[in-house]
Amino acid sequence: MQSINPTTGQIIKEYPEHSLAECYDILLKVDKAWESWKSTAFSERARLIKQVARELLAQRDQYARLITQEMGKIIKTARAEVEKCALICDYYADHAAAMLADEAIPLETGRCFVTFEPIGAVLGIMPWNFPFWQVCRFAVPLLMAGNAGVLKHASNVCGCALALEDIFRRAGFPENLFRTVLIPGNQVEPLIAHPLIKGVALTGSEAAGSQVAATAGRYLKKTVMELGGSDPFIVLEDADFDLCSTLAVKARMQNAGQTCIAAKRFIVVEKVAAAFEARHQEIIENLVVGDPLEPGTNLGPLARNDLRQQLHQQVHDSIRLGARLVTGGKSLEGPGFYYAPTILADVKKGMPVYDQETFGPVSAIITVQDEAEALAVANDSPYGLGASIWTQDLARGERLARRIESGTVVVNTLTKSDPRLPFGGVKKSGYGRELSHYGLKEFVNIKTIYIA
């Protein structure tokens, strides 16, 4: 397995894959560690999770540089990612015990209560685009609930995977409670089938989610799926134009557009469409594309060359079907996997940038007549992960938010994940929830105890 620097295209390091026998041995060790961990007091779990936060912050710059080198994220957002991982540690350390406390159910003929008990080892199949945050989002609530974790990370971020395993170990967790397996995606089925794996959490593509869910279903394993998105960014005629124009670029171009909840379809009412397009182009063409380790860079490379080729094909096919190229639309010359920040306008149904998820710095502008058409276009998608509405009429914004088919809808701000808020999607964006008390309870036995 190779870690390749997307800024240069050069190999950073090669990692030997685990054999299936080695994976099974790891599962046995994880299960043994869980046998004592499941009865560990919440206070001790919280103490260790807070130590993870301290470990992350103490080596923030080192971990941020590793993230940038392996997947191309600009360094300042890589630092912010590490800091956010520390935040989720503190959140669950402070609140998990109360969230998982026994819940009394009043009955006339006896005492009844519900407990939330750990189930064992859960397999996390995690993506490369937020290589630390996505793993912590999976692992921290899992461990606080008394479970154990097995991480199968994306193959291009093996360094991040092993660093995370080491962080939990150095924080004082049992030696094998959280382990990484280095295997390609096509070898994950035997792990899902293994009786010591009690559930599977996946963040990734629709195709990967479908395959993993089908496999887990054959073995009756609980799954949580956070899959792709094609988030609508609805600009109404009464939007704060300066605010939404500025944040629109951030909403699309963050992480070089490689974010499930990045705005991808800009649905703009006709009255302000020309002005929005012009302002969007002006800001995008002034972005600094370059070395993600340089502090002045706004946009780094895509994580892999095959992803860049796939994105360009989506752009090319959309132009062939009638989309108007405003700016960009090409790979950039030189080393690394850079793609020019791109705007396509006059986007219609049937074009890839309308119908599919685009994972890169490409904005698709869709002009609509009014609010009703904006809502119809927003819901005209197989995905439903996040959405944003821009209007100064807050009652109007709430009314529309209730009608959008999405796991999260925000008004006059950017869609983002927050430990306090449940996160997940509907339709082909997946099912189940992460974060908040909802995510904490996904992989527990919700047990009813009735004493007559």
Protein backbone atom coordinates (compact mmCIF):
# COMPACT_ATOMS: atom_id res chain seq x y z
CA MET A 1 0.00 0.00 0.00
CA GLN A 2 1.44 3.36 -1.06
CA SER A 3 1.15 6.82 0.41
CA ILE A 4 1.60 9.32 -2.43
CA ASN A 5 2.05 13.05 -1.93
CA PRO A 6 -0.63 14.65 -4.15
CA THR A 7 1.36 17.89 -4.28
CA THR A 8 4.28 16.23 -6.03
CA GLY A 9 2.95 12.87 -7.19
CA GLN A 10 5.89 11.19 -5.44
CA ILE A 11 5.68 8.15 -3.15
CA ILE A 12 6.08 9.08 0.53
CA LYS A 13 6.18 5.56 1.93
CA GLU A 14 5.09 2.01 1.23
CA TYR A 15 3.29 -0.08 3.85
CA PRO A 16 3.02 -3.88 3.92
CA GLU A 17 -0.55 -5.12 3.91
CA HIS A 18 -1.88 -7.22 6.74
CA SER A 19 -2.65 -10.79 5.76
CA LEU A 20 -6.07 -12.20 6.57
CA ALA A 21 -4.49 -14.30 9.35
CA GLU A 22 -2.93 -11.16 10.83
CA CYS A 23 -6.29 -9.38 10.68
CA TYR A 24 -7.99 -12.23 12.51
CA ASP A 25 -5.26 -12.16 15.15
CA ILE A 26 -5.87 -8.43 15.61
CA LEU A 27 -9.60 -9.07 16.05
CA LEU A 28 -8.90 -11.61 18.78
CA LYS A 29 -6.66 -9.14 20.60
CA VAL A 30 -9.25 -6.36 20.26
CA ASP A 31 -11.95 -8.61 21.68
CA LYS A 32 -9.77 -9.57 24.64
CA ALA A 33 -9.10 -5.90 25.39
CA TRP A 34 -12.83 -5.18 25.19
CA GLU A 35 -13.67 -7.80 27.83
CA SER A 36 -12.21 -5.56 30.53
CA TRP A 37 -12.98 -2.23 28.85
CA LYS A 38 -16.74 -2.80 28.67
CA SER A 39 -17.04 -2.60 32.47
CA THR A 40 -14.63 0.32 32.89
CA ALA A 41 -16.20 3.27 34.70
CA PHE A 42 -17.27 6.30 32.68
CA SER A 43 -14.93 8.46 34.73
CA GLU A 44 -11.95 6.41 33.60
CA ARG A 45 -13.10 6.35 29.99
CA ALA A 46 -13.47 10.13 30.13
CA ARG A 47 -10.02 10.58 31.64
CA LEU A 48 -8.41 8.64 28.80
CA ILE A 49 -10.42 10.39 26.09
CA LYS A 50 -9.31 13.75 27.50
CA GLN A 51 -5.75 12.49 27.33
CA VAL A 52 -6.29 11.79 23.62
CA ALA A 53 -7.26 15.45 23.24
CA ARG A 54 -4.05 16.52 24.97
CA GLU A 55 -1.98 14.22 22.75
CA LEU A 56 -3.60 15.67 19.64
CA LEU A 57 -3.01 19.28 20.64
CA ALA A 58 0.55 18.65 21.84
CA GLN A 59 1.53 17.35 18.39
CA ARG A 60 -0.95 19.41 16.35
CA ASP A 61 1.58 20.73 13.83
CA GLN A 62 3.14 17.31 13.29
CA TYR A 63 -0.23 15.67 12.63
CA ALA A 64 -1.37 18.54 10.43
CA ARG A 65 1.72 18.16 8.28
CA LEU A 66 1.08 14.42 7.96
CA ILE A 67 -2.50 15.10 6.81
CA THR A 68 -1.29 17.64 4.25
CA GLN A 69 1.43 15.41 2.88
CA GLU A 70 -0.83 12.38 2.49
CA MET A 71 -4.00 13.94 1.03
CA GLY A 72 -3.19 17.54 0.09
CA LYS A 73 -5.31 19.56 2.55
CA ILE A 74 -3.95 23.10 3.04
CA ILE A 75 -2.00 23.30 6.27
CA LYS A 76 -4.20 25.76 8.14
CA THR A 77 -7.30 23.60 7.66
CA ALA A 78 -5.28 20.50 8.58
CA ARG A 79 -4.43 22.17 11.90
CA ALA A 80 -8.09 23.04 12.38
CA GLU A 81 -9.00 19.40 11.72
CA VAL A 82 -6.70 18.21 14.50
CA GLU A 83 -8.13 20.82 16.87
CA LYS A 84 -11.67 19.68 16.05
CA CYS A 85 -10.68 16.12 16.97
CA ALA A 86 -9.65 17.38 20.41
CA LEU A 87 -13.00 19.15 20.68
CA ILE A 88 -15.00 15.97 20.10
CA CYS A 89 -12.90 14.19 22.74
CA ASP A 90 -13.75 16.82 25.35
CA TYR A 91 -17.43 16.85 24.35
CA TYR A 92 -18.00 13.14 24.82
CA ALA A 93 -15.78 12.94 27.89
CA ASP A 94 -18.02 15.57 29.51
CA HIS A 95 -21.42 14.30 28.33
CA ALA A 96 -21.38 10.59 27.44
CA ALA A 97 -22.13 9.33 30.96
CA ALA A 98 -25.29 11.41 31.21
CA MET A 99 -26.35 10.49 27.67
CA LEU A 100 -26.01 6.77 28.42
CA ALA A 101 -27.56 6.84 31.88
CA ASP A 102 -30.41 4.41 32.55
CA GLU A 103 -33.77 5.73 31.35
CA ALA A 104 -36.72 5.02 33.64
CA ILE A 105 -40.06 4.02 32.04
CA PRO A 106 -43.05 4.53 34.38
CA LEU A 107 -45.29 1.44 34.65
CA GLU A 108 -48.16 0.70 37.02
CA THR A 109 -47.11 -2.84 37.99
CA GLY A 110 -43.38 -2.67 38.55
CA ARG A 111 -40.07 -1.02 37.84
CA CYS A 112 -38.86 -0.65 34.24
CA PHE A 113 -35.82 1.02 32.78
CA VAL A 114 -33.71 1.04 29.62
CA THR A 115 -29.95 0.56 29.66
CA PHE A 116 -27.44 1.31 26.90
CA GLU A 117 -24.78 -1.37 26.89
CA PRO A 118 -21.71 -1.85 24.65
CA ILE A 119 -21.85 -4.54 22.00
CA GLY A 120 -18.16 -5.19 21.24
CA ALA A 121 -15.83 -4.45 18.35
CA VAL A 122 -17.11 -2.21 15.55
CA LEU A 123 -15.36 -1.91 12.18
CA GLY A 124 -14.89 1.63 10.90
CA ILE A 125 -14.30 2.03 7.16
CA MET A 126 -13.15 5.62 6.87
CA PRO A 127 -12.31 8.03 4.00
CA TRP A 128 -9.22 10.03 3.18
CA ASN A 129 -10.71 13.52 2.89
CA PHE A 130 -10.74 14.20 6.65
CA PRO A 131 -8.31 11.48 7.72
CA PHE A 132 -8.21 12.44 11.42
CA TRP A 133 -11.68 13.94 11.98
CA GLN A 134 -13.66 11.13 10.38
CA VAL A 135 -11.83 8.55 12.48
CA CYS A 136 -12.31 10.47 15.73
CA ARG A 137 -15.97 11.00 14.86
CA PHE A 138 -16.25 7.22 14.68
CA ALA A 139 -13.91 6.17 17.48
CA VAL A 140 -14.48 8.63 20.33
CA PRO A 141 -18.22 7.99 20.93
CA LEU A 142 -17.66 4.29 20.26
CA LEU A 143 -15.03 3.98 22.99
CA MET A 144 -16.94 6.18 25.43
CA ALA A 145 -19.91 3.82 25.03
CA GLY A 146 -17.67 0.95 26.11
CA ASN A 147 -17.04 -0.61 22.69
CA ALA A 148 -13.79 -1.41 20.87
CA GLY A 149 -12.73 -0.15 17.45
CA VAL A 150 -11.11 -1.64 14.36
CA LEU A 151 -10.11 0.90 11.72
CA LYS A 152 -9.86 0.15 8.01
CA HIS A 153 -8.74 3.51 6.70
CA ALA A 154 -8.46 4.65 3.09
CA SER A 155 -5.42 3.10 1.42
CA ASN A 156 -3.76 6.43 0.60
CA VAL A 157 -3.60 7.62 4.24
CA CYS A 158 -1.90 4.71 5.99
CA GLY A 159 0.37 7.10 7.88
CA CYS A 160 -2.64 8.85 9.40
CA ALA A 161 -4.23 5.50 10.27
CA LEU A 162 -1.18 4.28 12.16
CA ALA A 163 -0.70 7.65 13.86
CA LEU A 164 -4.25 7.53 15.21
CA GLU A 165 -3.77 4.01 16.56
CA ASP A 166 -0.62 5.24 18.29
CA ILE A 167 -2.41 8.26 19.79
CA PHE A 168 -4.98 6.10 21.57
CA ARG A 169 -2.24 3.78 22.80
CA ARG A 170 -0.07 6.61 24.12
CA ALA A 171 -3.09 8.18 25.82
CA GLY A 172 -3.27 5.10 28.02
CA PHE A 173 -6.02 3.03 26.42
CA PRO A 174 -5.68 -0.77 26.61
CA GLU A 175 -3.04 -1.91 24.13
CA ASN A 176 -5.41 -3.45 21.57
CA LEU A 177 -8.70 -1.65 22.19
CA PHE A 178 -8.35 0.45 19.02
CA ARG A 179 -6.42 -1.11 16.15
CA THR A 180 -5.75 -0.40 12.50
CA VAL A 181 -5.79 -3.02 9.77
CA LEU A 182 -3.92 -2.22 6.56
CA ILE A 183 -5.94 -3.91 3.84
CA PRO A 184 -7.41 -2.79 0.50
CA GLY A 185 -11.14 -2.26 0.21
CA ASN A 186 -11.72 -5.46 -1.77
CA GLN A 187 -10.55 -7.53 1.21
CA VAL A 188 -12.91 -6.11 3.83
CA GLU A 189 -15.67 -8.73 3.50
CA PRO A 190 -13.98 -11.41 5.66
CA LEU A 191 -13.68 -8.86 8.48
CA ILE A 192 -17.36 -7.93 8.28
CA ALA A 193 -18.23 -11.63 8.33
CA HIS A 194 -16.09 -12.39 11.38
CA PRO A 195 -18.25 -13.08 14.46
CA LEU A 196 -16.18 -10.73 16.64
CA ILE A 197 -17.22 -7.73 14.51
CA LYS A 198 -20.59 -6.58 15.85
CA GLY A 199 -21.25 -3.59 13.58
CA VAL A 200 -19.86 -1.51 10.73
CA ALA A 201 -19.66 2.26 10.29
CA LEU A 202 -18.74 3.57 6.85
CA THR A 203 -18.12 7.04 5.53
CA GLY A 204 -17.51 7.03 1.80
CA SER A 205 -19.06 6.75 -1.62
CA GLU A 206 -22.50 5.49 -2.53
CA ALA A 207 -20.94 2.49 -4.29
CA ALA A 208 -18.80 1.53 -1.29
CA GLY A 209 -21.77 1.95 1.05
CA SER A 210 -23.98 -0.27 -1.07
CA GLN A 211 -21.39 -3.06 -1.16
CA VAL A 212 -20.62 -2.92 2.56
CA ALA A 213 -24.29 -2.71 3.54
CA ALA A 214 -25.09 -5.74 1.39
CA THR A 215 -22.26 -7.73 2.97
CA ALA A 216 -23.21 -6.68 6.50
CA GLY A 217 -26.83 -7.56 5.77
CA ARG A 218 -25.88 -11.13 4.88
CA TYR A 219 -24.31 -11.49 8.30
CA LEU A 220 -26.96 -9.47 10.16
CA LYS A 221 -24.54 -6.76 11.30
CA LYS A 222 -25.74 -3.29 12.28
CA THR A 223 -24.47 -0.55 9.93
CA VAL A 224 -24.32 3.23 9.86
CA MET A 225 -23.68 4.80 6.47
CA GLU A 226 -22.59 8.39 5.74
CA LEU A 227 -22.30 8.51 1.97
CA GLY A 228 -22.12 11.08 -0.79
CA GLY A 229 -23.86 14.40 -1.17
CA SER A 230 -24.79 16.93 -3.81
CA ASP A 231 -25.74 19.74 -1.47
CA PRO A 232 -27.94 22.56 -2.76
CA PHE A 233 -26.97 26.16 -1.95
CA ILE A 234 -30.19 28.14 -2.52
CA VAL A 235 -29.81 31.88 -3.14
CA LEU A 236 -33.13 33.76 -2.98
CA GLU A 237 -33.67 37.30 -4.19
CA ASP A 238 -33.62 38.73 -0.64
CA ALA A 239 -30.35 37.10 0.42
CA ASP A 240 -27.57 39.14 2.00
CA PHE A 241 -25.70 39.19 -1.29
CA ASP A 242 -22.23 40.11 -0.02
CA LEU A 243 -22.33 37.50 2.73
CA CYS A 244 -23.67 34.64 0.62
CA SER A 245 -21.37 35.41 -2.32
CA THR A 246 -18.30 35.30 -0.11
CA LEU A 247 -19.32 32.19 1.80
CA ALA A 248 -20.43 30.41 -1.39
CA VAL A 249 -16.81 30.09 -2.47
CA LYS A 250 -15.77 28.75 0.93
CA ALA A 251 -18.73 26.36 0.90
CA ARG A 252 -17.59 24.88 -2.40
CA MET A 253 -13.82 25.18 -2.39
CA GLN A 254 -13.02 24.06 1.17
CA ASN A 255 -10.73 21.04 1.12
CA ALA A 256 -10.39 21.56 -2.66
CA GLY A 257 -14.08 20.69 -2.96
CA GLN A 258 -13.48 17.20 -1.54
CA THR A 259 -16.14 17.34 1.15
CA CYS A 260 -19.41 15.41 1.35
CA ILE A 261 -21.24 18.46 2.71
CA ALA A 262 -19.62 21.00 0.39
CA ALA A 263 -22.11 23.09 -1.56
CA LYS A 264 -22.17 21.62 -5.05
CA ARG A 265 -25.34 22.87 -6.75
CA PHE A 266 -25.83 26.64 -6.56
CA ILE A 267 -29.54 27.18 -7.13
CA VAL A 268 -30.00 30.89 -7.76
CA VAL A 269 -33.20 32.78 -8.55
CA GLU A 270 -33.05 34.57 -11.89
CA LYS A 271 -33.25 38.08 -10.41
CA VAL A 272 -29.78 37.78 -8.85
CA ALA A 273 -28.25 34.99 -10.97
CA ALA A 274 -26.06 37.17 -13.21
CA ALA A 275 -24.68 39.15 -10.27
CA PHE A 276 -24.03 35.96 -8.27
CA GLU A 277 -22.19 34.33 -11.19
CA ALA A 278 -20.02 37.39 -11.73
CA ARG A 279 -19.11 37.68 -8.05
CA HIS A 280 -18.48 33.93 -7.77
CA GLN A 281 -16.13 34.09 -10.74
CA GLU A 282 -14.30 37.12 -9.38
CA ILE A 283 -13.57 35.47 -6.04
CA ILE A 284 -12.67 32.07 -7.47
CA GLU A 285 -10.25 33.49 -10.02
CA ASN A 286 -8.39 35.23 -7.20
CA LEU A 287 -7.85 32.06 -5.19
CA VAL A 288 -4.20 31.11 -4.72
CA VAL A 289 -3.68 27.56 -6.00
CA GLY A 290 -0.41 26.05 -4.89
CA ASP A 291 1.61 24.17 -2.31
CA PRO A 292 -0.74 23.32 0.58
CA LEU A 293 2.14 23.69 3.06
CA GLU A 294 2.50 27.37 2.16
CA PRO A 295 0.43 29.63 4.46
CA GLY A 296 -0.89 31.80 1.61
CA THR A 297 -2.39 28.93 -0.40
CA ASN A 298 -6.19 28.79 -0.71
CA LEU A 299 -6.52 25.65 -2.82
CA GLY A 300 -4.36 22.55 -2.85
CA PRO A 301 -4.34 19.49 -5.11
CA LEU A 302 -6.89 16.72 -5.33
CA ALA A 303 -5.97 13.65 -3.31
CA ARG A 304 -5.37 11.26 -6.21
CA ASN A 305 -4.89 11.49 -9.96
CA ASP A 306 -7.74 9.09 -10.72
CA LEU A 307 -10.10 11.41 -8.81
CA ARG A 308 -8.88 14.35 -10.90
CA GLN A 309 -9.51 12.41 -14.11
CA GLN A 310 -12.99 11.42 -12.96
CA LEU A 311 -13.84 15.03 -12.07
CA HIS A 312 -12.62 16.30 -15.43
CA GLN A 313 -14.77 13.73 -17.22
CA GLN A 314 -17.84 14.99 -15.35
CA VAL A 315 -17.00 18.57 -16.33
CA HIS A 316 -16.28 17.65 -19.97
CA ASP A 317 -19.50 15.64 -20.32
CA SER A 318 -21.56 18.46 -18.79
CA ILE A 319 -20.12 20.99 -21.25
CA ARG A 320 -20.86 18.61 -24.11
CA LEU A 321 -24.48 18.48 -22.93
CA GLY A 322 -24.81 22.28 -22.92
CA ALA A 323 -23.30 23.64 -19.70
CA ARG A 324 -21.46 26.93 -20.14
CA LEU A 325 -17.86 27.03 -18.95
CA VAL A 326 -17.33 30.26 -17.02
CA THR A 327 -13.81 29.60 -15.79
CA GLY A 328 -11.41 26.72 -15.21
CA GLY A 329 -12.39 23.33 -16.57
CA LYS A 330 -8.93 21.80 -16.86
CA SER A 331 -6.13 20.06 -15.02
CA LEU A 332 -3.23 22.34 -14.19
CA GLU A 333 0.17 21.64 -15.68
CA GLY A 334 3.14 20.59 -13.57
CA PRO A 335 3.63 18.05 -10.80
CA GLY A 336 0.82 17.06 -8.48
CA PHE A 337 -2.88 16.48 -8.96
CA TYR A 338 -4.14 20.04 -9.33
CA TYR A 339 -7.41 21.00 -10.98
CA ALA A 340 -8.36 24.57 -11.83
CA PRO A 341 -11.21 26.03 -9.75
CA THR A 342 -14.15 25.78 -12.13
CA ILE A 343 -17.60 27.30 -12.66
CA LEU A 344 -20.23 25.81 -14.94
CA ALA A 345 -23.39 27.81 -15.59
CA ASP A 346 -26.65 27.04 -17.45
CA VAL A 347 -26.60 23.65 -15.72
CA LYS A 348 -29.63 21.44 -16.38
CA LYS A 349 -30.97 18.06 -15.34
CA GLY A 350 -29.22 15.24 -17.21
CA MET A 351 -25.75 16.75 -16.85
CA PRO A 352 -23.28 14.96 -14.55
CA VAL A 353 -22.73 18.09 -12.43
CA TYR A 354 -26.50 18.23 -11.82
CA ASP A 355 -27.18 14.54 -11.25
CA GLN A 356 -23.96 13.24 -9.67
CA GLU A 357 -21.72 14.11 -6.76
CA THR A 358 -18.70 16.12 -7.90
CA PHE A 359 -15.76 15.73 -5.55
CA GLY A 360 -13.53 18.64 -6.43
CA PRO A 361 -13.40 22.43 -7.00
CA VAL A 362 -16.33 22.67 -9.43
CA SER A 363 -19.35 24.95 -8.92
CA ALA A 364 -22.54 24.17 -10.84
CA ILE A 365 -24.88 27.18 -11.15
CA ILE A 366 -28.55 26.41 -11.80
CA THR A 367 -30.84 29.37 -12.52
CA VAL A 368 -34.46 29.10 -11.37
CA GLN A 369 -37.47 31.37 -11.64
CA ASP A 370 -38.62 31.48 -8.04
CA GLU A 371 -38.70 29.88 -4.61
CA ALA A 372 -40.96 27.04 -5.71
CA GLU A 373 -38.63 25.99 -8.51
CA ALA A 374 -35.62 26.34 -6.20
CA LEU A 375 -37.20 23.90 -3.77
CA ALA A 376 -38.09 21.46 -6.55
CA VAL A 377 -34.52 21.51 -7.93
CA ALA A 378 -33.02 21.13 -4.45
CA ASN A 379 -35.05 17.95 -3.88
CA ASP A 380 -34.45 16.68 -7.42
CA SER A 381 -31.40 14.66 -6.35
CA PRO A 382 -30.69 11.10 -5.28
CA TYR A 383 -28.77 12.58 -2.35
CA GLY A 384 -29.84 14.29 0.85
CA LEU A 385 -26.93 15.06 3.17
CA GLY A 386 -26.82 18.83 3.65
CA ALA A 387 -28.39 22.00 2.27
CA SER A 388 -28.25 25.75 2.82
CA ILE A 389 -30.80 28.52 2.20
CA TRP A 390 -29.90 32.18 1.90
CA THR A 391 -32.65 34.69 2.69
CA GLN A 392 -33.04 37.59 5.11
CA ASP A 393 -36.61 36.46 5.86
CA LEU A 394 -35.93 33.93 8.63
CA ALA A 395 -39.49 32.66 8.74
CA ARG A 396 -39.25 31.97 5.02
CA GLY A 397 -35.95 30.21 5.53
CA GLU A 398 -37.39 27.94 8.22
CA ARG A 399 -40.46 27.16 6.13
CA LEU A 400 -38.31 26.07 3.19
CA ALA A 401 -35.87 24.19 5.42
CA ARG A 402 -38.70 21.98 6.65
CA ARG A 403 -39.51 21.01 3.05
CA ILE A 404 -35.99 20.11 1.90
CA GLU A 405 -35.16 16.39 1.85
CA SER A 406 -31.88 16.38 3.72
CA GLY A 407 -30.26 15.29 6.96
CA THR A 408 -29.17 18.85 7.73
CA VAL A 409 -30.45 22.21 6.49
CA VAL A 410 -28.92 25.54 7.53
CA VAL A 411 -30.10 29.08 6.88
CA ASN A 412 -27.60 31.88 6.22
CA THR A 413 -24.53 29.86 7.23
CA LEU A 414 -22.33 27.00 6.05
CA THR A 415 -23.20 23.35 6.55
CA LYS A 416 -20.77 21.73 8.96
CA SER A 417 -20.54 18.90 11.46
CA ASP A 418 -20.59 19.69 15.17
CA PRO A 419 -20.28 17.17 18.05
CA ARG A 420 -23.48 18.58 19.59
CA LEU A 421 -25.60 18.03 16.46
CA PRO A 422 -26.69 14.75 14.83
CA PHE A 423 -25.11 14.26 11.42
CA GLY A 424 -26.16 11.99 8.56
CA GLY A 425 -28.25 11.79 5.45
CA VAL A 426 -31.33 10.44 3.71
CA LYS A 427 -31.89 8.82 0.31
CA LYS A 428 -28.56 7.72 -1.20
CA SER A 429 -26.63 9.84 1.29
CA GLY A 430 -26.98 7.00 3.79
CA TYR A 431 -28.73 6.24 7.06
CA GLY A 432 -28.08 6.33 10.77
CA ARG A 433 -26.52 9.24 12.60
CA GLU A 434 -23.15 10.25 13.94
CA LEU A 435 -22.44 12.77 16.70
CA SER A 436 -24.72 14.06 19.47
CA HIS A 437 -26.47 11.52 21.69
CA TYR A 438 -28.02 9.99 18.56
CA GLY A 439 -24.64 8.88 17.24
CA LEU A 440 -23.51 7.71 20.66
CA LYS A 441 -26.42 5.24 20.79
CA GLU A 442 -26.02 3.72 17.31
CA PHE A 443 -23.77 0.88 18.47
CA VAL A 444 -25.20 -0.06 21.85
CA ASN A 445 -27.65 -2.68 23.03
CA ILE A 446 -30.76 -0.71 23.99
CA LYS A 447 -31.90 -3.14 26.66
CA THR A 448 -35.24 -3.06 28.43
CA ILE A 449 -35.25 -4.34 32.03
CA TYR A 450 -38.63 -4.86 33.69
CA ILE A 451 -38.93 -5.91 37.32
CA ALA A 452 -42.49 -6.89 38.23
